[in-house]
Protein backbone atom coordinates (compact mmCIF):
# COMPACT_ATOMS: atom_id res chain seq x y z
CA MET A 1 31.75 -149.39 3.14
CA GLU A 2 35.47 -148.97 2.36
CA LYS A 3 35.63 -152.52 0.99
CA GLN A 4 32.63 -151.78 -1.23
CA GLN A 5 34.28 -148.61 -2.49
CA GLU A 6 37.47 -150.54 -3.24
CA PHE A 7 35.43 -153.15 -5.14
CA VAL A 8 33.78 -150.45 -7.26
CA LEU A 9 37.07 -148.73 -8.06
CA ARG A 10 38.72 -152.05 -8.96
CA THR A 11 35.77 -153.11 -11.14
CA ILE A 12 35.82 -149.78 -12.97
CA GLU A 13 39.49 -150.25 -13.79
CA GLU A 14 39.20 -153.93 -14.77
CA ARG A 15 36.14 -153.43 -16.99
CA ASP A 16 37.32 -150.18 -18.56
CA ILE A 17 34.39 -148.13 -17.27
CA ARG A 18 34.55 -144.66 -18.88
CA PHE A 19 31.55 -142.99 -17.21
CA VAL A 20 29.67 -143.50 -13.96
CA ARG A 21 26.14 -142.15 -13.70
CA LEU A 22 25.05 -141.07 -10.23
CA TRP A 23 21.30 -141.38 -9.71
CA PHE A 24 18.86 -139.96 -7.18
CA THR A 25 15.20 -138.94 -7.18
CA ASP A 26 13.33 -135.76 -6.43
CA VAL A 27 10.43 -135.67 -3.97
CA LEU A 28 7.91 -136.68 -6.64
CA GLY A 29 10.00 -139.70 -7.69
CA SER A 30 11.54 -138.46 -10.94
CA LEU A 31 14.96 -139.95 -11.61
CA LYS A 32 17.91 -137.54 -11.76
CA SER A 33 21.42 -138.28 -13.04
CA VAL A 34 24.88 -136.75 -13.25
CA ALA A 35 27.79 -138.45 -15.02
CA VAL A 36 31.30 -138.41 -13.58
CA ALA A 37 34.61 -139.68 -14.89
CA PRO A 38 36.22 -142.57 -12.98
CA ALA A 39 39.01 -140.26 -11.80
CA GLU A 40 36.45 -138.22 -9.84
CA LEU A 41 34.92 -141.18 -8.05
CA GLU A 42 37.23 -141.35 -5.02
CA GLY A 43 36.42 -137.71 -4.33
CA ALA A 44 32.72 -138.41 -4.81
CA PHE A 45 32.87 -141.22 -2.23
CA ALA A 46 34.69 -138.98 0.24
CA GLU A 47 32.93 -135.66 -0.25
CA GLY A 48 30.09 -136.08 -2.75
CA ILE A 49 29.34 -134.24 -5.99
CA GLY A 50 27.98 -130.73 -5.54
CA PHE A 51 24.82 -129.54 -7.30
CA ASP A 52 22.17 -126.84 -7.13
CA GLY A 53 19.41 -128.25 -4.94
CA SER A 54 17.06 -125.36 -5.74
CA ALA A 55 16.83 -126.67 -9.32
CA ILE A 56 15.46 -130.05 -8.14
CA GLU A 57 11.72 -130.44 -7.47
CA GLY A 58 11.15 -130.06 -3.73
CA PHE A 59 14.80 -130.04 -2.64
CA ALA A 60 15.65 -126.51 -1.47
CA ARG A 61 15.03 -122.80 -1.70
CA VAL A 62 17.44 -120.61 -3.68
CA HIS A 63 19.25 -119.26 -0.62
CA GLU A 64 20.05 -122.77 0.67
CA SER A 65 20.70 -124.51 -2.64
CA ASP A 66 24.12 -126.14 -2.15
CA MET A 67 23.82 -129.91 -1.83
CA LEU A 68 25.99 -132.97 -2.35
CA ALA A 69 25.22 -136.33 -3.96
CA LYS A 70 27.20 -139.12 -2.26
CA PRO A 71 27.21 -142.41 -4.21
CA ASP A 72 26.25 -145.62 -2.40
CA PRO A 73 28.85 -148.20 -3.56
CA ALA A 74 26.52 -151.09 -2.68
CA THR A 75 24.30 -150.06 -5.61
CA PHE A 76 26.99 -150.13 -8.32
CA GLN A 77 26.02 -151.88 -11.57
CA VAL A 78 27.20 -151.76 -15.17
CA LEU A 79 24.50 -150.29 -17.41
CA PRO A 80 23.41 -152.42 -20.40
CA LEU A 81 20.96 -149.76 -21.60
CA ARG A 82 20.33 -148.52 -25.12
CA GLY A 83 23.01 -146.10 -26.23
CA GLU A 84 25.29 -146.95 -23.31
CA SER A 85 28.56 -148.65 -24.16
CA PRO A 86 29.70 -151.51 -21.90
CA GLY A 87 31.92 -148.91 -20.23
CA THR A 88 29.14 -147.13 -18.28
CA GLY A 89 28.15 -147.81 -14.67
CA ARG A 90 25.65 -146.37 -12.23
CA MET A 91 25.17 -145.89 -8.50
CA PHE A 92 22.33 -144.49 -6.44
CA CYS A 93 23.19 -141.55 -4.20
CA ASP A 94 22.27 -140.26 -0.79
CA ILE A 95 21.83 -136.48 -0.72
CA VAL A 96 23.65 -134.57 2.02
CA MET A 97 24.08 -130.95 3.07
CA PRO A 98 27.46 -129.16 2.92
CA ASP A 99 28.09 -130.03 6.60
CA GLY A 100 27.65 -133.74 5.81
CA SER A 101 24.22 -134.14 7.44
CA PRO A 102 21.49 -135.97 5.50
CA SER A 103 19.25 -133.73 3.42
CA PRO A 104 15.70 -133.74 4.82
CA ALA A 105 14.46 -133.48 1.20
CA ASP A 106 16.03 -136.78 0.08
CA PRO A 107 13.35 -139.49 -0.40
CA ARG A 108 16.02 -142.17 0.11
CA TRP A 109 16.81 -140.66 3.52
CA VAL A 110 13.10 -140.62 4.41
CA LEU A 111 12.99 -144.37 3.81
CA ARG A 112 16.28 -144.95 5.64
CA LYS A 113 14.83 -143.21 8.73
CA ALA A 114 11.71 -145.39 8.67
CA LEU A 115 13.82 -148.54 8.28
CA SER A 116 16.07 -147.46 11.16
CA ARG A 117 13.07 -147.03 13.46
CA ALA A 118 11.86 -150.52 12.55
CA ALA A 119 15.38 -151.89 13.11
CA GLU A 120 15.39 -150.42 16.62
CA ALA A 121 12.35 -152.59 17.30
CA GLY A 122 14.21 -155.61 15.90
CA PHE A 123 12.57 -155.75 12.45
CA THR A 124 13.81 -155.84 8.86
CA PHE A 125 11.23 -154.81 6.25
CA TYR A 126 10.95 -156.79 3.01
CA THR A 127 8.84 -155.94 -0.03
CA HIS A 128 7.89 -157.71 -3.24
CA PRO A 129 6.10 -155.58 -5.88
CA GLU A 130 3.96 -156.76 -8.80
CA VAL A 131 4.50 -153.97 -11.33
CA GLU A 132 1.85 -153.33 -13.99
CA PHE A 133 2.21 -150.96 -16.94
CA PHE A 134 0.98 -150.47 -20.50
CA LEU A 135 2.81 -150.81 -23.80
CA LEU A 136 1.55 -148.43 -26.47
CA LYS A 137 2.12 -148.56 -30.22
CA GLU A 138 3.92 -145.22 -30.17
CA ARG A 139 4.83 -142.35 -27.90
CA PRO A 140 1.86 -139.98 -27.53
CA GLU A 141 2.47 -136.56 -29.03
CA PRO A 142 0.99 -133.35 -27.54
CA GLY A 143 -2.30 -132.62 -29.24
CA ALA A 144 -2.74 -136.22 -30.41
CA ILE A 145 -3.39 -137.93 -27.08
CA THR A 146 -6.78 -139.27 -28.23
CA SER A 147 -5.02 -141.49 -30.76
CA VAL A 148 -3.19 -143.50 -28.07
CA GLN A 149 -3.47 -147.22 -28.78
CA PRO A 150 -2.29 -150.29 -26.85
CA VAL A 151 0.25 -152.44 -28.66
CA ASP A 152 -2.06 -155.47 -28.81
CA ALA A 153 -5.54 -156.79 -28.05
CA GLY A 154 -4.31 -159.49 -25.66
CA GLY A 155 -5.71 -160.46 -22.29
CA TYR A 156 -4.67 -162.21 -19.09
CA PHE A 157 -1.80 -164.69 -19.62
CA ASP A 158 -2.30 -164.53 -23.41
CA LEU A 159 0.48 -165.72 -25.70
CA THR A 160 0.39 -165.79 -29.50
CA PRO A 161 3.09 -166.67 -32.06
CA TYR A 162 3.38 -163.00 -33.09
CA ASP A 163 3.23 -161.58 -29.57
CA VAL A 164 5.51 -158.52 -29.53
CA THR A 165 4.98 -158.10 -25.80
CA ASN A 166 6.51 -161.52 -25.14
CA ASP A 167 9.67 -160.40 -26.97
CA PHE A 168 9.59 -157.12 -25.04
CA ARG A 169 9.33 -158.84 -21.66
CA ARG A 170 12.14 -161.28 -22.50
CA THR A 171 14.49 -158.46 -23.52
CA ALA A 172 13.57 -156.27 -20.54
CA ILE A 173 13.95 -159.07 -18.00
CA THR A 174 17.32 -160.07 -19.44
CA MET A 175 18.47 -156.48 -19.02
CA LEU A 176 17.19 -156.31 -15.44
CA GLU A 177 18.93 -159.53 -14.47
CA ARG A 178 22.19 -158.33 -16.03
CA MET A 179 21.92 -155.46 -13.54
CA GLY A 180 21.39 -157.80 -10.58
CA ILE A 181 17.61 -157.28 -10.35
CA SER A 182 15.87 -160.63 -9.97
CA VAL A 183 12.47 -161.19 -11.60
CA GLU A 184 10.03 -163.74 -10.24
CA PHE A 185 7.18 -163.73 -12.80
CA SER A 186 6.11 -161.93 -15.95
CA HIS A 187 2.99 -162.15 -18.11
CA HIS A 188 0.41 -160.27 -20.14
CA GLU A 189 -2.16 -158.64 -17.86
CA VAL A 190 -5.94 -158.28 -18.27
CA ALA A 191 -6.13 -155.19 -20.48
CA PRO A 192 -4.89 -154.86 -24.08
CA GLY A 193 -1.24 -153.88 -24.04
CA GLN A 194 -0.97 -154.31 -20.27
CA GLN A 195 2.06 -156.08 -18.79
CA GLU A 196 3.03 -157.35 -15.35
CA ILE A 197 6.55 -158.06 -14.15
CA ASP A 198 7.04 -159.12 -10.53
CA LEU A 199 10.33 -158.38 -8.80
CA ARG A 200 11.72 -160.91 -6.31
CA TYR A 201 11.43 -159.85 -2.68
CA ALA A 202 14.25 -157.80 -1.13
CA ASP A 203 14.74 -155.32 1.69
CA ALA A 204 12.69 -152.18 1.10
CA LEU A 205 15.59 -149.86 0.24
CA THR A 206 16.94 -152.27 -2.38
CA THR A 207 13.44 -152.72 -3.80
CA ALA A 208 12.92 -148.96 -4.08
CA ASP A 209 16.24 -148.62 -5.94
CA ASN A 210 15.25 -151.55 -8.14
CA LEU A 211 11.89 -149.96 -8.98
CA MET A 212 13.54 -146.75 -10.14
CA THR A 213 15.87 -148.81 -12.34
CA PHE A 214 12.92 -150.92 -13.52
CA ARG A 215 10.96 -147.94 -14.79
CA LEU A 216 13.93 -146.63 -16.74
CA VAL A 217 14.68 -150.06 -18.25
CA MET A 218 11.05 -150.49 -19.39
CA LYS A 219 11.15 -147.07 -21.06
CA GLU A 220 14.50 -147.77 -22.72
CA VAL A 221 13.55 -151.21 -24.07
CA SER A 222 10.20 -149.95 -25.36
CA ILE A 223 11.90 -147.09 -27.25
CA GLU A 224 14.43 -149.52 -28.70
CA GLN A 225 11.56 -151.67 -30.01
CA GLY A 226 9.58 -148.75 -31.42
CA LEU A 227 6.99 -148.85 -28.61
CA TYR A 228 6.19 -146.71 -25.58
CA ALA A 229 5.89 -147.92 -21.97
CA THR A 230 3.70 -145.90 -19.62
CA PHE A 231 3.19 -146.22 -15.87
CA MET A 232 0.17 -143.90 -15.96
CA PRO A 233 -2.28 -145.56 -13.53
CA LYS A 234 -5.38 -145.35 -15.78
CA PRO A 235 -4.70 -144.46 -19.43
CA PHE A 236 -7.93 -146.05 -20.79
CA THR A 237 -11.44 -145.35 -19.53
CA ASP A 238 -12.89 -148.78 -20.25
CA GLU A 239 -9.89 -150.94 -19.29
CA PRO A 240 -8.41 -151.80 -15.89
CA GLY A 241 -5.71 -149.55 -14.51
CA SER A 242 -2.12 -150.41 -13.65
CA GLY A 243 -1.44 -151.09 -10.00
CA MET A 244 1.56 -152.21 -8.01
CA HIS A 245 0.25 -154.78 -5.55
CA THR A 246 3.01 -155.01 -2.96
CA HIS A 247 3.71 -157.96 -0.68
CA LEU A 248 5.07 -156.97 2.74
CA SER A 249 6.77 -158.87 5.56
CA LEU A 250 8.79 -158.18 8.69
CA PHE A 251 11.65 -160.41 9.80
CA GLU A 252 13.34 -160.70 13.17
CA GLY A 253 16.73 -162.01 12.10
CA ASP A 254 15.97 -165.10 10.02
CA ARG A 255 12.47 -165.54 11.47
CA ASN A 256 9.35 -164.28 9.72
CA ALA A 257 7.60 -162.13 12.34
CA PHE A 258 4.29 -162.47 10.47
CA HIS A 259 4.19 -166.28 10.78
CA ASP A 260 2.41 -168.23 13.51
CA PRO A 261 1.99 -171.99 12.86
CA THR A 262 -0.85 -172.21 15.42
CA ASP A 263 -3.03 -169.58 13.74
CA GLU A 264 -5.74 -170.57 11.26
CA MET A 265 -4.23 -168.29 8.62
CA HIS A 266 -0.67 -168.80 9.94
CA LEU A 267 -0.64 -165.08 10.78
CA SER A 268 1.02 -163.88 14.00
CA LYS A 269 -0.16 -161.19 16.41
CA VAL A 270 2.56 -158.93 14.96
CA GLY A 271 1.18 -159.55 11.47
CA ARG A 272 -2.38 -158.83 12.58
CA SER A 273 -1.41 -155.57 14.28
CA PHE A 274 0.61 -154.56 11.22
CA ILE A 275 -2.47 -155.06 9.01
CA ALA A 276 -4.61 -153.14 11.51
CA GLY A 277 -2.15 -150.26 11.23
CA LEU A 278 -2.37 -150.31 7.44
CA LEU A 279 -6.17 -150.20 7.64
CA ARG A 280 -6.45 -147.50 10.30
CA HIS A 281 -4.01 -145.16 8.55
CA SER A 282 -4.87 -146.06 4.94
CA GLY A 283 -6.66 -142.80 4.20
CA GLU A 284 -3.76 -140.74 5.55
CA ILE A 285 -1.14 -142.44 3.37
CA THR A 286 -3.18 -142.68 0.15
CA ALA A 287 -1.85 -139.39 -1.26
CA VAL A 288 1.59 -141.03 -1.17
CA THR A 289 0.62 -144.50 -2.37
CA ASN A 290 -1.48 -142.94 -5.16
CA GLN A 291 0.04 -139.53 -5.78
CA TRP A 292 -1.49 -138.36 -9.07
CA VAL A 293 -4.92 -137.07 -10.08
CA ASN A 294 -5.16 -139.97 -12.51
CA SER A 295 -4.49 -142.51 -9.73
CA TYR A 296 -8.06 -142.13 -8.50
CA LYS A 297 -9.57 -143.13 -11.84
CA ARG A 298 -8.16 -146.57 -10.98
CA LEU A 299 -9.38 -146.67 -7.36
CA VAL A 300 -13.06 -147.16 -8.16
CA ALA A 301 -15.38 -149.99 -7.20
CA GLY A 302 -15.68 -152.97 -9.49
CA GLY A 303 -12.21 -153.20 -10.96
CA GLU A 304 -9.11 -155.04 -9.81
CA ALA A 305 -8.17 -152.08 -7.61
CA PRO A 306 -9.49 -151.64 -4.06
CA ALA A 307 -11.92 -148.85 -3.21
CA PHE A 308 -12.75 -149.74 0.40
CA VAL A 309 -10.78 -150.17 3.61
CA CYS A 310 -10.94 -153.82 4.58
CA TRP A 311 -8.86 -156.98 4.60
CA GLY A 312 -9.56 -160.56 3.63
CA HIS A 313 -8.03 -163.98 3.25
CA ASN A 314 -7.36 -164.42 -0.45
CA ASN A 315 -9.97 -161.69 -1.19
CA ARG A 316 -8.95 -159.70 -4.25
CA SER A 317 -11.53 -156.97 -3.64
CA ALA A 318 -9.95 -156.06 -0.29
CA LEU A 319 -7.38 -153.35 0.34
CA VAL A 320 -5.19 -155.86 2.19
CA ARG A 321 -5.13 -159.50 1.15
CA ILE A 322 -3.60 -162.47 2.97
CA PRO A 323 -2.21 -164.77 0.25
CA MET A 324 -2.70 -168.50 0.64
CA TYR A 325 -0.22 -170.13 3.01
CA LYS A 326 2.44 -172.29 1.37
CA PRO A 327 2.93 -175.53 3.35
CA ASN A 328 6.32 -175.82 5.08
CA LYS A 329 7.29 -172.31 3.93
CA PRO A 330 6.87 -170.05 6.99
CA ASN A 331 9.04 -167.36 5.42
CA ALA A 332 6.45 -166.96 2.66
CA THR A 333 3.78 -165.67 5.09
CA ARG A 334 3.07 -162.08 4.08
CA VAL A 335 0.40 -159.46 3.51
CA GLU A 336 -0.45 -157.86 0.18
CA LEU A 337 -1.33 -154.17 -0.06
CA ARG A 338 -3.32 -153.63 -3.26
CA SER A 339 -3.79 -149.85 -3.43
CA PRO A 340 -0.40 -148.52 -4.66
CA ASP A 341 0.20 -147.82 -8.31
CA SER A 342 3.50 -148.04 -10.14
CA ALA A 343 3.73 -144.27 -10.76
CA CYS A 344 4.40 -143.37 -7.12
CA ASN A 345 7.69 -142.49 -5.44
CA PRO A 346 8.74 -145.92 -4.07
CA TYR A 347 10.93 -144.49 -1.31
CA LEU A 348 8.07 -142.49 0.18
CA LEU A 349 5.63 -145.34 -0.45
CA PHE A 350 7.61 -147.88 1.58
CA ALA A 351 8.32 -145.32 4.31
CA VAL A 352 4.65 -144.48 5.02
CA VAL A 353 3.46 -148.08 4.62
CA LEU A 354 6.07 -149.28 7.12
CA ALA A 355 5.23 -146.44 9.50
CA ALA A 356 1.51 -147.31 9.41
CA GLY A 357 2.18 -150.99 10.06
CA MET A 358 4.68 -150.26 12.84
CA ARG A 359 2.19 -147.90 14.51
CA GLY A 360 -0.23 -150.81 14.62
CA ILE A 361 2.39 -153.04 16.26
CA GLU A 362 3.59 -150.40 18.74
CA HIS A 363 0.04 -149.62 19.91
CA SER A 364 -1.28 -153.22 19.64
CA TYR A 365 -4.08 -152.32 17.25
CA GLU A 366 -6.80 -154.96 17.11
CA LEU A 367 -7.53 -156.35 13.66
CA PRO A 368 -11.22 -155.96 12.74
CA ALA A 369 -13.19 -158.81 11.21
CA GLY A 370 -12.14 -159.73 7.70
CA ALA A 371 -14.29 -159.31 4.60
CA GLU A 372 -14.52 -162.54 2.67
CA ASP A 373 -17.30 -161.35 0.35
CA ASP A 374 -16.87 -159.23 -2.77
CA VAL A 375 -17.02 -155.81 -1.11
CA TRP A 376 -17.63 -154.12 -4.47
CA SER A 377 -21.01 -155.85 -4.68
CA LEU A 378 -22.18 -154.76 -1.21
CA THR A 379 -24.52 -151.82 -0.73
CA ALA A 380 -23.40 -148.74 1.17
CA GLU A 381 -25.62 -149.81 4.07
CA GLN A 382 -24.08 -153.30 4.14
CA ARG A 383 -20.57 -151.87 4.16
CA ALA A 384 -21.52 -149.46 6.96
CA ASP A 385 -22.90 -152.34 9.02
CA LEU A 386 -19.57 -154.15 8.56
CA GLY A 387 -17.56 -151.05 9.49
CA ILE A 388 -16.01 -150.80 6.00
CA SER A 389 -15.16 -147.24 4.98
CA ALA A 390 -14.10 -145.95 1.57
CA LEU A 391 -10.62 -144.98 0.48
CA PRO A 392 -10.24 -141.34 -0.63
CA GLY A 393 -12.09 -141.00 -3.91
CA SER A 394 -9.95 -138.20 -5.35
CA LEU A 395 -6.57 -136.59 -4.90
CA HIS A 396 -8.36 -133.75 -3.09
CA GLU A 397 -9.83 -136.13 -0.50
CA ALA A 398 -6.45 -137.81 -0.08
CA ILE A 399 -4.77 -134.42 0.49
CA LEU A 400 -7.31 -133.52 3.20
CA ALA A 401 -6.64 -136.83 4.97
CA MET A 402 -2.86 -136.42 4.72
CA GLU A 403 -2.97 -132.82 6.02
CA ARG A 404 -4.37 -134.07 9.33
CA SER A 405 -1.93 -136.96 9.68
CA GLU A 406 0.64 -136.77 12.46
CA LEU A 407 1.94 -140.17 11.29
CA VAL A 408 2.71 -139.04 7.73
CA ALA A 409 4.16 -135.70 8.88
CA GLU A 410 6.52 -137.48 11.27
CA THR A 411 7.52 -140.11 8.70
CA LEU A 412 8.20 -137.75 5.79
CA GLY A 413 9.67 -134.95 7.88
CA GLU A 414 8.52 -131.35 7.79
CA HIS A 415 10.29 -130.43 4.53
CA VAL A 416 9.00 -133.31 2.37
CA PHE A 417 5.56 -133.27 4.03
CA GLU A 418 4.97 -129.58 3.31
CA PHE A 419 6.40 -129.62 -0.21
CA PHE A 420 4.45 -132.73 -1.17
CA LEU A 421 1.19 -131.19 0.01
CA ARG A 422 1.89 -127.89 -1.78
CA ASN A 423 2.64 -129.72 -5.00
CA LYS A 424 -0.45 -131.94 -4.79
CA ARG A 425 -2.73 -128.99 -3.98
CA ALA A 426 -1.40 -127.19 -7.06
CA GLU A 427 -1.98 -130.29 -9.18
CA TRP A 428 -5.58 -130.52 -7.95
CA VAL A 429 -6.25 -126.83 -8.67
CA GLU A 430 -4.83 -127.20 -12.18
CA TYR A 431 -6.95 -130.30 -12.77
CA ARG A 432 -10.14 -128.59 -11.54
CA ARG A 433 -9.76 -125.65 -13.92
CA ARG A 434 -9.28 -127.81 -17.02
CA VAL A 435 -12.25 -128.43 -19.32
CA THR A 436 -12.15 -132.11 -20.24
CA GLN A 437 -13.12 -133.95 -23.42
CA TYR A 438 -15.87 -135.65 -21.40
CA GLU A 439 -17.49 -132.30 -20.58
CA LEU A 440 -17.28 -131.12 -24.18
CA GLU A 441 -18.84 -134.32 -25.56
CA ARG A 442 -21.56 -134.53 -22.91
CA TYR A 443 -22.62 -130.90 -22.44
CA LEU A 444 -21.76 -128.89 -25.53
CA PRO A 445 -24.46 -130.48 -27.73
CA ILE A 446 -27.24 -130.00 -25.15
CA LEU A 447 -26.47 -126.90 -23.12
């Protein structure tokens, strides 16, 4: 750590960095930032930067508000964002209490704990997200939400000579790579204005940091180009929603623990138990993987998003998919979880997903039979016969499942668990009391 700190301090001096932005997230996943002068950085490394935790969503009560943000030097990057001169850097922070102990409210600490438990069992957790989002023609203004329009009428993999989204993706990816965030693929998605950019696989903590940076970069580039990027899971009724299909793997040293060359699908017993854990605990973790009321407009049968708890080999209607094996590439064996959306808190997402999979490994869960048919087209009776249950159909159902979950409570810790539930209950109550445009259009003329 000291060598990393020395590298940061030397880089700041050599590159004439004038400001360093220290980033962290609240419990709901909103990015927070405080800027410090380079002269304050040695003190920040040693002691942290103090702030009022009671002013941050879910962090602390008023009488216990003092907290410290300690920068992680391994996350240092120079910011090439709009309005930032070349002399601005950033680092993610870990949040600690005045006595130096980790804050139980810090989402980054929640993930660190889950990763440490996996490391004790000999595993390193890697993730690879496919991030979908929409580009709109302009930022929606309050009172004019109905006029929201996608930036184009394109579809899957479309490219035209006047494609503004192609220019957007090129600029955004260049910016990401200048910040050390590697991109694997990018393309136009199915819906008008919908984009997908896939980040290269990395350890889960790095990926979570990268996703927070990713969302900010997409917003910044869109504003610079006169557009608006939104990670809202389902902004249009008649178009697919935006998910974040996430590829998962566990490694034991340099060996992929999910790979077994003797298995028909090249999937090891560890991999099978991990999937079984994801399936058995899927309902409990859904409030975290899909944390907004709007998330459940995406999780309906018949779209690209899963609605039922099952797995399949190369089955895109399943909750968990086993991608096709790549010959002579055992490290590419992985599982794909298709329920998360890109508006969630990535630190909490990876923590509960890892905990569910590890529970399956620790207790040797048996993997049920796979579903190779289109589960959306099956009747309720057929799904029942196959033992396929439904994912929570609303935030309310997801809250009820999470409330009963010992696994999620243990993974998030008492503070985050209780705050998250309080916040989601309040969101559901607020949603229930609102009269929607649908109700006005459907009922006002006839009732």
